[in-house]
């Protein structure tokens, strides 16, 4: 099922389009908590673009046009606008894992040749030590919050606002090279083994277009950003949600999942199997505690029979269970690892559509996903509309190495020519994963 979706060559076109299309829609909700006092700040799509342009203008004025800027911290608004300000100005964005050990973090900063780092205040000690050590090429250190001794994102936004008022337009008018490296993203692994993947605007924009074309994301949705933004799945999905006019909120932590789902009336989220399994098990524990396990099992059987007759009563029948998840949750996308088929089936049985996909950092990331017409437990759906997947040297069961060709395939590994040549051959990316197509051309893989 392909939806009509506008395709963009780069993310600057995309963000400018949605800032106009969804101008007054809420793009992000920021929660401010002071003791028991809670205040919610709504950031519209119009304000989002204004903040990106102000921050980017300040970065250009500081001399970082054409440079590399690292971004590190928990999922928050300042992370999102820092990454987007880099991208919309043609600055190479280097998202880093906030949980990296000191040596790995310093090594990643050295390898990436980053000139500036925008960091979460919780990492101040590590960043201060890196600054003191002086082994990196960093010349500026900007904190996402206002703390003593460092410039802040807020300060740069104010500086950029003043410059824009004075007529400075260099940042806003920057032309993007769609196919040039604009993201440098480290794969997981030890310092010596991790690879820095080079991605372009075209890589990400093409993948967002493919995902939007098949998945039911609506401009009335509220998404909760569970997936860490430094992960390619998290950052691409962040921009996909913006491309769809969605409102994004931030979780307070794993312990508060149920509370946050209810607090924000979340309708959709993207997560890894560990997260979806944790949510499902929490529900089923409650069902068991109430002695309703048999009742739920019987209700599932009845609703599945009716479903075959095209009568869908799942969300009415399991209204209480959905209420435990905020009452509005309707769609879950799982990726990053194979999901437990029983968990996916469980959510679908309750009327919460749950799909999974398959991809890698090197493919920006999604190359295969379930959609409305291609859902089967234990599989990951069909290739994205702009990808071609083939199985290399299949065995008697059709299982072989997965290779993929498409506009979302990386430019290569940074400063690792031999490793790049070993996986990129004649336009194909060789994933190193095993997979196969079933008789209906629905795909499964094994990492």
Protein backbone atom coordinates (compact mmCIF):
# COMPACT_ATOMS: atom_id res chain seq x y z
CA UNK A 1 0.00 0.00 0.00
CA UNK A 2 1.79 3.13 -1.23
CA UNK A 3 0.57 6.51 -0.01
CA UNK A 4 1.02 9.72 -1.95
CA UNK A 5 4.00 11.39 -0.27
CA UNK A 6 6.12 14.35 -1.33
CA UNK A 7 9.72 13.36 -1.99
CA UNK A 8 12.61 15.68 -1.13
CA UNK A 9 16.23 15.64 -2.28
CA UNK A 10 17.53 16.96 1.02
CA UNK A 11 16.46 17.65 4.59
CA UNK A 12 16.58 21.43 4.22
CA UNK A 13 13.82 21.25 1.58
CA UNK A 14 11.89 18.87 3.83
CA UNK A 15 12.07 20.97 7.02
CA UNK A 16 11.23 24.21 5.18
CA UNK A 17 8.24 22.46 3.59
CA UNK A 18 6.81 21.14 6.88
CA UNK A 19 7.42 24.47 8.65
CA UNK A 20 5.11 25.98 6.04
CA UNK A 21 2.67 23.05 5.71
CA UNK A 22 2.24 22.50 9.48
CA UNK A 23 3.18 26.00 10.63
CA UNK A 24 0.89 26.11 13.69
CA UNK A 25 1.06 22.37 14.52
CA UNK A 26 3.02 21.43 17.62
CA UNK A 27 6.34 19.82 16.67
CA UNK A 28 7.70 19.23 20.21
CA UNK A 29 6.47 19.45 23.78
CA UNK A 30 9.09 20.40 26.36
CA UNK A 31 8.31 19.51 29.96
CA UNK A 32 9.66 21.89 32.60
CA UNK A 33 9.61 20.52 36.13
CA UNK A 34 10.44 22.52 39.22
CA UNK A 35 9.70 20.35 42.27
CA UNK A 36 6.01 19.53 41.99
CA UNK A 37 5.39 22.38 39.56
CA UNK A 38 5.10 21.13 35.96
CA UNK A 39 4.84 23.35 32.92
CA UNK A 40 4.57 22.25 29.27
CA UNK A 41 6.07 24.35 26.50
CA UNK A 42 4.72 23.79 23.00
CA UNK A 43 7.11 24.34 20.10
CA UNK A 44 5.29 24.90 16.79
CA UNK A 45 6.76 23.88 13.43
CA UNK A 46 7.17 27.60 12.63
CA UNK A 47 9.17 28.19 15.82
CA UNK A 48 11.21 25.03 15.23
CA UNK A 49 12.52 26.37 11.92
CA UNK A 50 13.12 29.80 13.46
CA UNK A 51 15.19 28.23 16.27
CA UNK A 52 17.15 26.10 13.77
CA UNK A 53 17.93 29.18 11.65
CA UNK A 54 18.95 31.25 14.68
CA UNK A 55 21.23 28.53 16.06
CA UNK A 56 22.70 27.82 12.62
CA UNK A 57 23.33 31.53 11.98
CA UNK A 58 25.27 31.75 15.26
CA UNK A 59 27.31 28.66 14.34
CA UNK A 60 28.19 30.23 10.98
CA UNK A 61 29.17 33.50 12.66
CA UNK A 62 31.46 31.55 15.00
CA UNK A 63 33.26 30.18 11.96
CA UNK A 64 31.83 26.66 11.76
CA UNK A 65 30.42 26.74 8.22
CA UNK A 66 31.69 23.63 6.43
CA UNK A 67 33.08 22.17 9.68
CA UNK A 68 32.07 19.21 11.84
CA UNK A 69 30.00 19.50 14.99
CA UNK A 70 29.45 16.67 17.50
CA UNK A 71 26.14 16.37 19.37
CA UNK A 72 25.87 14.28 22.53
CA UNK A 73 23.20 13.89 25.20
CA UNK A 74 19.81 12.45 26.06
CA UNK A 75 16.81 12.92 23.76
CA UNK A 76 15.65 16.51 24.17
CA UNK A 77 14.67 19.53 22.09
CA UNK A 78 18.17 21.03 22.18
CA UNK A 79 19.60 17.79 20.73
CA UNK A 80 17.08 17.86 17.89
CA UNK A 81 17.67 21.49 16.90
CA UNK A 82 21.46 21.14 17.19
CA UNK A 83 21.46 18.16 14.79
CA UNK A 84 19.03 19.89 12.43
CA UNK A 85 20.96 23.19 12.54
CA UNK A 86 24.05 21.26 11.45
CA UNK A 87 22.22 19.53 8.62
CA UNK A 88 20.38 22.57 7.27
CA UNK A 89 23.66 24.48 7.11
CA UNK A 90 25.68 21.74 5.41
CA UNK A 91 27.74 21.28 8.60
CA UNK A 92 28.71 17.64 9.17
CA UNK A 93 26.76 16.41 12.21
CA UNK A 94 28.48 13.82 14.41
CA UNK A 95 25.91 12.24 16.79
CA UNK A 96 27.66 10.46 19.67
CA UNK A 97 26.43 7.96 22.26
CA UNK A 98 26.10 9.65 25.66
CA UNK A 99 27.04 6.35 27.36
CA UNK A 100 30.48 6.09 25.72
CA UNK A 101 33.35 5.60 28.13
CA UNK A 102 35.79 8.53 28.31
CA UNK A 103 38.44 6.90 26.09
CA UNK A 104 35.88 5.91 23.41
CA UNK A 105 34.33 9.39 23.44
CA UNK A 106 37.69 11.10 23.10
CA UNK A 107 38.73 8.67 20.34
CA UNK A 108 35.47 9.30 18.41
CA UNK A 109 35.99 13.06 18.66
CA UNK A 110 39.58 12.73 17.41
CA UNK A 111 38.60 10.39 14.55
CA UNK A 112 35.69 12.58 13.46
CA UNK A 113 37.83 15.76 13.48
CA UNK A 114 34.94 17.63 15.16
CA UNK A 115 35.62 21.34 15.80
CA UNK A 116 32.76 21.98 18.23
CA UNK A 117 30.70 19.84 20.58
CA UNK A 118 27.16 20.53 21.79
CA UNK A 119 26.63 18.51 24.97
CA UNK A 120 24.13 17.67 27.71
CA UNK A 121 24.96 19.15 31.12
CA UNK A 122 25.00 15.63 32.61
CA UNK A 123 28.22 15.05 30.64
CA UNK A 124 29.98 18.19 31.90
CA UNK A 125 32.69 16.29 33.81
CA UNK A 126 33.65 14.16 30.78
CA UNK A 127 33.59 17.15 28.41
CA UNK A 128 35.64 19.28 30.83
CA UNK A 129 38.25 16.50 31.05
CA UNK A 130 38.38 16.22 27.23
CA UNK A 131 38.79 20.00 26.99
CA UNK A 132 41.57 19.92 29.60
CA UNK A 133 43.32 16.99 27.90
CA UNK A 134 43.50 18.89 24.60
CA UNK A 135 43.90 15.87 22.31
CA UNK A 136 40.92 16.65 20.07
CA UNK A 137 40.43 19.39 17.45
CA UNK A 138 37.58 20.91 19.47
CA UNK A 139 37.81 24.69 19.76
CA UNK A 140 34.33 25.38 21.18
CA UNK A 141 32.17 23.64 23.80
CA UNK A 142 28.45 24.48 23.96
CA UNK A 143 26.08 23.13 26.61
CA UNK A 144 22.42 22.29 25.91
CA UNK A 145 21.53 23.98 29.21
CA UNK A 146 22.78 27.16 30.85
CA UNK A 147 25.71 26.28 33.11
CA UNK A 148 28.68 28.26 34.34
CA UNK A 149 31.83 28.20 32.24
CA UNK A 150 30.25 27.26 28.91
CA UNK A 151 28.24 28.90 26.16
CA UNK A 152 24.67 27.57 25.92
CA UNK A 153 22.35 26.69 23.05
CA UNK A 154 19.96 29.37 24.34
CA UNK A 155 22.75 31.96 24.20
CA UNK A 156 23.58 31.02 20.61
CA UNK A 157 19.91 31.20 19.59
CA UNK A 158 19.72 34.73 21.03
CA UNK A 159 22.96 35.65 19.25
CA UNK A 160 21.62 34.23 15.95
CA UNK A 161 18.31 36.06 16.35
CA UNK A 162 20.17 39.38 16.66
CA UNK A 163 22.27 38.60 13.58
CA UNK A 164 19.21 37.66 11.48
CA UNK A 165 17.57 40.97 12.49
CA UNK A 166 20.72 42.69 11.24
CA UNK A 167 20.23 41.02 7.86
CA UNK A 168 22.73 38.17 8.09
CA UNK A 169 21.44 35.50 5.66
CA UNK A 170 24.44 33.30 4.87
CA UNK A 171 23.18 30.34 6.90
CA UNK A 172 19.54 30.49 5.75
CA UNK A 173 20.60 30.79 2.10
CA UNK A 174 23.20 27.99 2.18
CA UNK A 175 22.78 25.51 -0.66
CA UNK A 176 22.87 21.83 0.30
CA UNK A 177 24.86 19.29 -1.69
CA UNK A 178 22.42 16.36 -1.56
CA UNK A 179 25.07 13.68 -2.07
CA UNK A 180 27.89 14.99 0.10
CA UNK A 181 28.69 13.55 3.56
CA UNK A 182 26.59 15.46 6.11
CA UNK A 183 26.35 12.90 8.91
CA UNK A 184 29.21 10.91 10.39
CA UNK A 185 27.82 8.18 12.58
CA UNK A 186 29.79 5.60 14.55
CA UNK A 187 28.55 2.03 14.55
CA UNK A 188 28.58 0.13 17.84
CA UNK A 189 31.81 -1.63 18.70
CA UNK A 190 35.02 -1.02 20.59
CA UNK A 191 37.08 2.04 19.72
CA UNK A 192 39.33 0.05 17.40
CA UNK A 193 36.48 -1.80 15.70
CA UNK A 194 33.73 0.84 15.38
CA UNK A 195 33.31 2.26 11.91
CA UNK A 196 32.32 5.83 11.09
CA UNK A 197 29.52 5.66 8.52
CA UNK A 198 29.27 8.55 6.05
CA UNK A 199 25.68 9.50 5.19
CA UNK A 200 24.26 12.23 2.96
CA UNK A 201 21.06 14.28 2.89
CA UNK A 202 19.87 12.14 -0.02
CA UNK A 203 20.44 8.94 2.00
CA UNK A 204 18.21 10.11 4.86
CA UNK A 205 15.60 11.96 2.75
CA UNK A 206 15.10 8.93 0.49
CA UNK A 207 14.59 6.64 3.49
CA UNK A 208 12.07 9.00 5.09
CA UNK A 209 10.16 9.11 1.79
CA UNK A 210 10.11 5.29 1.63
CA UNK A 211 8.91 4.92 5.24
CA UNK A 212 6.22 7.58 4.86
CA UNK A 213 4.98 5.87 1.70
CA UNK A 214 4.07 2.64 3.49
CA UNK A 215 3.54 3.37 7.20
CA UNK A 216 0.39 4.89 8.68
CA UNK A 217 1.83 7.99 10.35
CA UNK A 218 -0.68 10.87 10.63
CA UNK A 219 -0.35 14.58 11.32
CA UNK A 220 -2.71 14.10 14.28
CA UNK A 221 -0.32 11.65 15.97
CA UNK A 222 1.65 12.12 19.17
CA UNK A 223 4.98 10.28 19.13
CA UNK A 224 7.15 9.58 22.17
CA UNK A 225 10.89 9.62 21.40
CA UNK A 226 12.08 6.42 23.06
CA UNK A 227 14.86 5.56 20.59
CA UNK A 228 18.12 7.40 21.33
CA UNK A 229 18.73 10.09 18.72
CA UNK A 230 22.42 9.22 18.35
CA UNK A 231 21.29 5.91 16.82
CA UNK A 232 20.46 6.20 13.10
CA UNK A 233 17.04 4.60 13.65
CA UNK A 234 16.27 7.23 16.29
CA UNK A 235 17.47 10.26 14.31
CA UNK A 236 15.88 9.19 10.99
CA UNK A 237 12.57 8.48 12.76
CA UNK A 238 12.80 11.86 14.51
CA UNK A 239 12.89 13.56 11.10
CA UNK A 240 10.26 11.18 9.66
CA UNK A 241 7.87 12.26 12.43
CA UNK A 242 8.55 15.91 11.56
CA UNK A 243 8.03 15.14 7.86
CA UNK A 244 4.58 13.80 8.79
CA UNK A 245 3.50 16.78 10.91
CA UNK A 246 3.56 14.73 14.14
CA UNK A 247 3.87 16.05 17.70
CA UNK A 248 6.89 14.56 19.51
CA UNK A 249 7.24 14.31 23.30
CA UNK A 250 10.11 13.09 25.44
CA UNK A 251 10.03 10.22 28.00
CA UNK A 252 11.11 10.77 31.60
CA UNK A 253 12.82 7.35 31.70
CA UNK A 254 11.96 3.66 31.46
CA UNK A 255 10.30 3.64 34.89
CA UNK A 256 7.81 6.24 33.71
CA UNK A 257 6.73 4.67 30.40
CA UNK A 258 3.12 4.01 31.42
CA UNK A 259 2.85 7.41 33.08
CA UNK A 260 4.21 9.22 30.01
CA UNK A 261 1.98 7.28 27.57
CA UNK A 262 -1.00 8.46 29.62
CA UNK A 263 0.31 11.97 30.32
CA UNK A 264 0.75 12.83 26.64
CA UNK A 265 -1.93 10.51 25.18
CA UNK A 266 0.69 8.95 22.92
CA UNK A 267 -0.66 7.39 19.71
CA UNK A 268 2.53 6.10 18.08
CA UNK A 269 6.09 5.20 18.96
CA UNK A 270 9.16 3.57 17.50
CA UNK A 271 11.09 1.24 19.76
CA UNK A 272 13.39 -1.73 20.04
CA UNK A 273 12.02 -5.21 20.94
CA UNK A 274 13.30 -4.97 24.54
CA UNK A 275 11.08 -1.91 25.08
CA UNK A 276 7.95 -3.30 23.40
CA UNK A 277 8.36 -6.59 25.30
CA UNK A 278 8.68 -4.70 28.62
CA UNK A 279 5.46 -2.77 27.92
CA UNK A 280 3.59 -5.91 26.86
CA UNK A 281 4.74 -7.90 29.91
CA UNK A 282 3.66 -5.06 32.21
CA UNK A 283 0.14 -5.25 30.73
CA UNK A 284 -0.04 -9.04 30.98
CA UNK A 285 1.16 -9.00 34.60
CA UNK A 286 -1.73 -6.68 35.42
CA UNK A 287 -4.17 -8.98 33.57
CA UNK A 288 -2.84 -11.95 35.55
CA UNK A 289 -3.06 -10.05 38.83
CA UNK A 290 -6.73 -9.32 38.12
CA UNK A 291 -7.34 -13.01 37.30
CA UNK A 292 -8.43 -12.18 33.74
CA UNK A 293 -5.90 -14.28 31.79
CA UNK A 294 -8.49 -16.85 30.58
CA UNK A 295 -11.04 -14.15 29.85
CA UNK A 296 -8.55 -12.23 27.69
CA UNK A 297 -7.50 -15.43 25.85
CA UNK A 298 -11.14 -16.21 25.03
CA UNK A 299 -11.81 -12.62 23.95
CA UNK A 300 -8.77 -12.78 21.62
CA UNK A 301 -10.11 -15.93 19.95
CA UNK A 302 -13.52 -14.33 19.41
CA UNK A 303 -12.10 -11.09 18.01
CA UNK A 304 -9.73 -12.99 15.67
CA UNK A 305 -12.64 -15.01 14.25
CA UNK A 306 -14.60 -11.78 13.70
CA UNK A 307 -11.55 -10.19 12.11
CA UNK A 308 -11.51 -12.89 9.46
CA UNK A 309 -15.07 -11.82 8.69
CA UNK A 310 -13.82 -8.20 8.41
CA UNK A 311 -15.44 -7.21 11.70
CA UNK A 312 -12.92 -5.43 13.91
CA UNK A 313 -13.98 -4.99 17.55
CA UNK A 314 -10.49 -5.24 19.08
CA UNK A 315 -10.16 -1.70 20.41
CA UNK A 316 -13.66 -1.86 21.97
CA UNK A 317 -13.14 -5.32 23.39
CA UNK A 318 -9.73 -4.50 24.89
CA UNK A 319 -10.53 -0.91 25.81
CA UNK A 320 -9.28 -1.39 29.40
CA UNK A 321 -5.92 -2.71 28.25
CA UNK A 322 -5.47 0.19 25.81
CA UNK A 323 -6.53 2.55 28.62
CA UNK A 324 -3.58 1.25 30.69
CA UNK A 325 -1.34 2.59 27.90
CA UNK A 326 -2.94 6.02 27.84
CA UNK A 327 -6.03 5.06 25.86
CA UNK A 328 -4.82 6.38 22.48
CA UNK A 329 -1.90 4.12 21.47
CA UNK A 330 -2.64 2.74 18.02
CA UNK A 331 0.67 2.06 16.25
CA UNK A 332 4.05 0.65 17.27
CA UNK A 333 7.10 0.26 15.00
CA UNK A 334 9.78 -2.14 16.25
CA UNK A 335 13.30 -2.40 14.89
CA UNK A 336 16.97 -2.79 15.74
CA UNK A 337 16.68 -6.54 16.38
CA UNK A 338 14.19 -9.34 15.58
CA UNK A 339 11.05 -9.00 17.70
CA UNK A 340 9.42 -11.87 19.57
CA UNK A 341 6.52 -12.88 17.27
CA UNK A 342 4.32 -13.54 20.33
CA UNK A 343 4.74 -9.94 21.51
CA UNK A 344 3.94 -8.45 18.10
CA UNK A 345 0.92 -10.76 17.80
CA UNK A 346 -0.18 -9.80 21.32
CA UNK A 347 -0.24 -6.08 20.54
CA UNK A 348 -2.00 -6.68 17.22
CA UNK A 349 -4.60 -8.87 18.98
CA UNK A 350 -5.42 -5.90 21.23
CA UNK A 351 -5.90 -3.62 18.22
CA UNK A 352 -2.54 -1.83 18.56
CA UNK A 353 -0.97 -2.28 15.14
CA UNK A 354 2.62 -3.42 15.56
CA UNK A 355 5.03 -3.77 12.67
CA UNK A 356 8.72 -4.44 12.47
CA UNK A 357 11.46 -3.57 10.04
CA UNK A 358 15.05 -4.39 9.23
CA UNK A 359 17.97 -2.15 8.44
CA UNK A 360 21.46 -1.01 9.35
CA UNK A 361 23.31 2.22 10.06
CA UNK A 362 24.84 1.84 6.60
CA UNK A 363 21.38 1.97 4.98
CA UNK A 364 20.07 5.10 6.78
CA UNK A 365 18.62 2.66 8.20
CA UNK A 366 15.46 0.90 6.92
CA UNK A 367 15.59 -1.47 3.92
CA UNK A 368 12.59 -3.68 4.75
CA UNK A 369 9.38 -3.17 6.70
CA UNK A 370 5.94 -4.61 7.31
CA UNK A 371 2.99 -2.60 6.10
CA UNK A 372 -0.80 -3.05 6.07
CA UNK A 373 -0.67 -5.61 3.27
CA UNK A 374 2.49 -7.45 4.28
CA UNK A 375 2.24 -8.46 7.93
CA UNK A 376 3.28 -11.91 9.03
CA UNK A 377 4.68 -12.87 12.41
CA UNK A 378 8.40 -13.58 12.38
CA UNK A 379 9.03 -11.58 9.19
CA UNK A 380 10.09 -8.00 8.46
CA UNK A 381 7.78 -7.32 5.54
CA UNK A 382 8.94 -6.29 2.08
CA UNK A 383 11.77 -4.14 0.65
CA UNK A 384 11.26 -0.37 0.77
CA UNK A 385 9.89 1.06 -2.47
CA UNK A 386 13.26 2.50 -3.55
CA UNK A 387 15.42 -0.47 -2.48
CA UNK A 388 16.32 -3.71 -4.24
CA UNK A 389 17.25 -6.69 -2.08
CA UNK A 390 18.90 -9.85 -3.34
CA UNK A 391 20.15 -12.97 -1.60
CA UNK A 392 23.75 -13.81 -2.39
CA UNK A 393 24.63 -17.51 -2.81
CA UNK A 394 21.40 -18.92 -1.31
CA UNK A 395 21.49 -22.44 0.16
CA UNK A 396 18.88 -25.15 -0.45
CA UNK A 397 16.46 -23.26 1.85
CA UNK A 398 16.97 -19.97 0.00
CA UNK A 399 19.03 -18.49 2.86
CA UNK A 400 22.07 -16.40 1.97
CA UNK A 401 23.78 -13.07 2.58
CA UNK A 402 21.53 -10.04 2.16
CA UNK A 403 22.71 -7.41 -0.30
CA UNK A 404 20.88 -4.17 -1.01
CA UNK A 405 20.96 -1.40 -3.59
CA UNK A 406 19.19 1.95 -3.18
CA UNK A 407 19.53 5.70 -2.58
CA UNK A 408 19.76 5.11 1.19
CA UNK A 409 23.02 3.11 0.99
CA UNK A 410 25.90 4.94 2.68
CA UNK A 411 28.73 6.75 0.92
CA UNK A 412 31.23 4.51 2.72
CA UNK A 413 33.22 4.20 5.95
CA UNK A 414 35.19 7.31 6.85
CA UNK A 415 38.93 6.87 6.26
CA UNK A 416 38.49 3.07 5.98
CA UNK A 417 38.89 2.36 2.28
CA UNK A 418 39.59 -1.35 2.64
CA UNK A 419 36.53 -1.92 4.87
CA UNK A 420 34.38 0.12 2.45
CA UNK A 421 35.54 -1.90 -0.56
CA UNK A 422 34.74 -5.14 1.25
CA UNK A 423 31.03 -4.25 1.63
CA UNK A 424 30.30 -1.93 -1.32
CA UNK A 425 30.61 -3.78 -4.64
CA UNK A 426 29.13 -2.76 -8.00
CA UNK A 427 26.54 -0.54 -6.30
CA UNK A 428 25.48 -3.26 -3.84
CA UNK A 429 25.90 -3.10 -0.08
CA UNK A 430 26.68 -6.51 1.41
CA UNK A 431 25.13 -6.53 4.88
CA UNK A 432 26.83 -9.58 6.40
CA UNK A 433 23.37 -10.70 7.63
CA UNK A 434 21.54 -13.79 6.47
CA UNK A 435 18.01 -13.67 5.09
CA UNK A 436 15.45 -15.21 2.77
CA UNK A 437 12.17 -14.51 0.99
CA UNK A 438 9.17 -16.79 1.52
CA UNK A 439 6.81 -17.87 -1.27
CA UNK A 440 4.95 -14.54 -1.05
CA UNK A 441 8.17 -12.51 -1.26
CA UNK A 442 7.91 -11.50 2.40
CA UNK A 443 11.33 -11.16 3.98
CA UNK A 444 12.97 -12.62 7.11
CA UNK A 445 16.51 -12.17 8.41
CA UNK A 446 18.92 -13.49 10.99
CA UNK A 447 21.65 -11.24 12.37
